Protein backbone atom coordinates (compact mmCIF):
# COMPACT_ATOMS: atom_id res chain seq x y z
CA MET A 1 126.46 112.94 94.28
CA GLN A 2 128.23 114.06 91.09
CA THR A 3 126.27 111.48 89.08
CA LEU A 4 123.01 112.70 90.62
CA THR A 5 123.79 116.35 89.89
CA SER A 6 124.85 115.58 86.33
CA ALA A 7 121.67 113.58 85.72
CA ALA A 8 119.49 116.35 87.17
CA LEU A 9 120.99 118.83 84.69
CA GLN A 10 120.44 116.68 81.60
CA PHE A 11 117.44 117.17 79.32
CA PRO A 12 114.63 116.47 80.03
CA THR A 13 115.24 116.14 83.78
CA VAL A 14 116.62 119.68 83.89
CA VAL A 15 113.14 120.96 82.98
CA LEU A 16 111.64 119.22 85.99
CA THR A 17 114.56 120.33 88.17
CA PHE A 18 113.72 123.93 87.27
CA LEU A 19 110.02 123.35 87.98
CA LEU A 20 110.87 121.78 91.35
CA ALA A 21 112.93 124.86 92.22
CA LEU A 22 109.91 127.04 91.41
CA VAL A 23 107.68 124.77 93.52
CA ALA A 24 110.08 125.01 96.48
CA LEU A 25 110.21 128.81 96.13
CA TYR A 26 106.42 129.01 96.00
CA TRP A 27 105.91 126.95 99.18
CA LEU A 28 108.55 129.02 100.93
CA LEU A 29 106.55 132.14 100.05
CA VAL A 30 103.37 130.42 101.30
CA LEU A 31 105.05 129.65 104.63
CA VAL A 32 105.99 133.31 105.12
CA ARG A 33 102.51 134.33 103.87
CA LEU A 34 103.73 136.19 100.81
CA ALA A 35 101.88 133.92 98.38
CA PRO A 36 98.29 132.61 98.53
CA LEU A 37 97.53 128.93 98.99
CA GLU A 38 94.76 129.09 96.39
CA LEU A 39 96.97 130.55 93.67
CA PHE A 40 95.15 129.11 90.65
CA GLU A 41 91.67 128.53 92.09
CA ARG A 42 88.66 130.47 90.84
CA ASP A 43 85.15 130.74 92.24
CA SER A 44 83.68 128.45 89.58
CA LEU A 45 84.65 125.39 87.55
CA ARG A 46 83.08 126.98 84.48
CA ASP A 47 85.80 128.04 82.00
CA ASP A 48 88.47 127.07 84.55
CA HIS A 49 90.26 124.56 82.36
CA MET A 50 93.08 123.85 84.82
CA ALA A 51 90.69 122.99 87.66
CA SER A 52 88.51 120.89 85.36
CA THR A 53 91.55 118.99 84.08
CA LEU A 54 92.86 118.34 87.60
CA VAL A 55 89.43 117.14 88.72
CA SER A 56 89.28 114.73 85.76
CA LEU A 57 92.73 113.41 86.76
CA GLY A 58 91.51 112.67 90.29
CA PHE A 59 92.74 115.76 92.14
CA ALA A 60 89.35 117.07 93.32
CA GLY A 61 89.37 118.48 96.85
CA VAL A 62 92.98 119.67 97.05
CA PRO A 63 94.54 123.00 95.99
CA ALA A 64 95.83 123.01 92.43
CA THR A 65 99.23 124.12 93.71
CA LEU A 66 99.49 121.05 95.95
CA ALA A 67 98.38 118.72 93.16
CA LEU A 68 100.86 120.26 90.71
CA SER A 69 103.64 120.11 93.32
CA PHE A 70 103.22 116.37 93.85
CA LEU A 71 102.85 115.85 90.11
CA VAL A 72 106.14 117.64 89.36
CA LEU A 73 107.88 115.91 92.29
CA PHE A 74 106.99 112.38 91.19
CA ALA A 75 107.55 113.14 87.50
CA GLY A 76 110.97 114.53 88.39
CA ALA A 77 111.85 111.41 90.38
CA ILE A 78 110.78 109.14 87.50
CA SER A 79 112.72 111.18 84.94
CA LEU A 80 115.81 111.27 87.16
CA ALA A 81 115.68 107.50 87.66
CA ALA A 82 115.34 106.94 83.91
CA GLU A 83 118.31 109.25 83.28
CA ILE A 84 120.57 107.47 85.79
CA ILE A 85 119.52 103.91 84.94
CA VAL A 86 119.14 104.14 81.15
CA LEU A 87 119.77 107.39 79.29
CA ARG A 88 123.24 108.24 80.62
CA TRP A 89 124.56 104.98 79.17
CA LEU A 90 123.27 105.73 75.67
CA SER A 91 124.90 107.87 72.97
CA LEU A 92 121.74 109.64 71.84
CA GLY A 93 123.19 112.70 70.15
CA MET A 94 120.39 114.69 68.48
CA LEU A 95 117.92 111.94 69.43
CA ARG A 96 118.04 113.15 73.04
CA VAL A 97 115.47 115.86 72.26
CA PRO A 98 112.67 113.60 70.92
CA VAL A 99 113.55 110.90 73.46
CA GLY A 100 113.50 113.54 76.19
CA VAL A 101 110.08 114.83 75.13
CA LEU A 102 108.77 111.26 75.17
CA LEU A 103 110.27 110.73 78.63
CA LEU A 104 108.56 113.89 79.90
CA TRP A 105 105.20 112.60 78.67
CA VAL A 106 105.78 109.15 80.20
CA SER A 107 106.96 110.67 83.49
CA PHE A 108 103.85 112.81 83.91
CA SER A 109 101.58 109.97 82.79
CA VAL A 110 103.02 107.60 85.39
CA ALA A 111 103.25 110.29 88.07
CA SER A 112 99.61 111.41 87.71
CA PRO A 113 97.86 108.44 89.41
CA ILE A 114 100.59 108.25 92.07
CA ALA A 115 100.23 111.95 92.91
CA ALA A 116 96.42 111.65 92.90
CA ALA A 117 96.59 108.72 95.34
CA VAL A 118 98.87 110.68 97.69
CA CYS A 119 96.57 113.71 97.53
CA HIS A 120 93.55 111.52 98.30
CA GLY A 121 95.42 110.12 101.30
CA LEU A 122 96.05 113.65 102.58
CA GLN A 123 92.54 114.98 101.94
CA ARG A 124 90.99 114.15 105.30
CA ALA A 125 93.86 115.77 107.22
CA LEU A 126 93.89 118.82 104.94
CA HIS A 127 90.17 119.45 105.24
CA ARG A 128 90.48 120.00 108.99
CA TYR A 129 91.96 123.39 108.20
CA GLN A 130 89.78 126.21 106.91
CA PRO A 131 92.11 127.33 104.05
CA PHE A 132 91.63 123.89 102.49
CA LYS A 133 87.82 124.11 102.62
CA ARG A 134 87.17 126.90 100.15
CA ARG A 135 87.71 127.04 96.38
CA CYS A 136 89.93 123.96 96.37
CA LEU A 137 86.87 121.80 97.14
CA LEU A 138 85.34 122.56 93.75
CA GLY A 139 84.80 119.30 91.90
CA ALA A 140 84.47 117.31 95.13
CA THR A 141 81.45 115.05 95.65
CA VAL A 142 79.21 115.49 98.70
CA ILE A 143 76.18 113.74 100.16
CA VAL A 144 73.32 115.98 101.26
CA ALA A 145 72.61 115.63 104.99
CA GLU A 146 69.79 118.03 105.86
CA GLN A 147 68.18 121.39 105.14
CA GLU A 148 69.61 124.34 107.06
CA ASP A 149 67.12 127.03 105.98
CA SER A 150 65.08 128.06 102.94
CA GLU A 151 68.22 128.66 100.83
CA HIS A 152 70.88 126.43 102.32
CA ALA A 153 71.49 122.76 103.03
CA LEU A 154 74.28 120.93 104.83
CA ALA A 155 76.28 118.17 103.16
CA GLU A 156 79.24 115.94 104.00
CA LEU A 157 82.23 115.29 101.78
CA ILE A 158 82.09 111.73 100.51
CA ASN A 159 84.26 109.32 102.53
CA GLU A 160 84.94 112.10 105.07
CA PRO A 161 82.34 111.95 107.86
CA GLY A 162 82.32 115.19 109.82
CA SER A 163 83.58 117.37 106.95
CA VAL A 164 80.48 119.51 106.51
CA VAL A 165 79.93 122.15 103.82
CA ARG A 166 77.00 124.49 103.13
CA LEU A 167 75.11 124.27 99.85
CA HIS A 168 73.22 127.22 98.41
CA TYR A 169 70.19 126.51 96.24
CA LYS A 170 67.49 128.48 94.47
CA ALA A 171 63.81 128.35 95.37
CA GLY A 172 62.21 125.12 94.24
CA GLU A 173 65.58 123.39 93.72
CA ALA A 174 66.19 122.09 97.24
CA PRO A 175 68.53 119.07 97.24
CA GLN A 176 67.19 115.88 98.78
CA ALA A 177 68.77 114.19 101.80
CA GLY A 178 71.11 111.42 100.70
CA GLU A 179 71.55 112.93 97.23
CA ARG A 180 75.07 112.91 95.76
CA ARG A 181 76.08 116.30 94.38
CA VAL A 182 79.25 117.91 92.99
CA LEU A 183 80.48 121.32 94.15
CA VAL A 184 80.79 123.62 91.12
CA LYS A 185 80.90 127.20 92.48
CA TYR A 186 82.12 128.87 95.67
CA LEU A 187 80.14 131.78 97.10
CA ALA A 188 82.68 133.65 99.22
CA LYS A 189 80.21 136.04 100.88
CA GLU A 190 78.05 133.18 102.13
CA GLY A 191 80.78 130.63 102.71
CA ALA A 192 78.64 128.21 100.69
CA TYR A 193 78.73 126.30 97.40
CA ARG A 194 76.53 125.90 94.38
CA SER A 195 76.19 122.26 93.40
CA VAL A 196 74.67 119.99 90.78
CA VAL A 197 73.49 116.39 90.90
CA GLU A 198 76.48 114.07 90.38
CA GLN A 199 74.99 112.29 87.37
CA GLN A 200 74.19 115.61 85.69
CA TYR A 201 77.78 116.73 86.26
CA LEU A 202 79.17 113.50 84.77
CA ASP A 203 76.81 113.69 81.78
CA THR A 204 77.88 117.30 81.14
CA ARG A 205 81.56 116.32 81.22
CA VAL A 206 80.97 113.53 78.72
CA ARG A 207 79.00 115.86 76.46
CA LEU A 208 81.70 118.56 76.58
CA SER A 209 84.42 115.99 75.85
CA LYS A 210 82.53 114.80 72.77
CA LEU A 211 82.00 118.41 71.67
CA ARG A 212 85.72 119.22 71.97
CA LEU A 213 86.60 116.03 70.08
CA HIS A 214 84.10 116.93 67.34
CA ARG A 215 85.55 120.44 67.03
CA LYS A 216 89.07 119.00 66.85
CA HIS A 217 88.07 116.65 64.03
CA ARG A 218 86.39 119.52 62.16
CA SER A 219 89.45 121.75 62.50
CA ASN A 220 91.70 118.92 61.29
CA GLY A 221 89.36 118.39 58.35
CA TYR A 222 89.52 122.05 57.38
CA SER A 223 93.31 122.12 57.68
CA THR A 224 93.64 119.28 55.22
């Protein structure tokens, strides 16, 4: 136990230990209903960089707080294991800081797909509860089932038969049955979502990524 405690308080694991304490405090506040489940979610993916990043990492369909909690948990476990197995036997001195920063990056990189897989495994169970079927579904892919009325259609979450959501569309833009679409905006008053065709969404993401990369290269060019 002493070895475990000592390792948890060494850099960089101490950073993740602190984050895990914050995560535990947050979920305690959620349980007593003093904190919202959708803490970071917004009504739209537009300009919501955190949601867009989590979606690109495979966390679509779950609350950002849940995704971040699993991410910190697994990263903390990886960092703690590395500290106990390797780092505590080395005399790093001042090298502990750069090595620690590298370990943080590796821990989150390895933890990301593991956390995403766990979240995907929990999705079907989570979506049975109404709080998990609002803003946290932004970025999820659905298949259009049928028209509901002149402004709404019904769709099912992909790989989750029975998980039905309402899609809102403008006149002349009715989605077709069987069409794959991505939820991009939540309309709280209607309990419905705005959506775009999946391929259009993917093309837009690629275009924005290229634009950001181009801007980064330009800024680096100006700085030199």
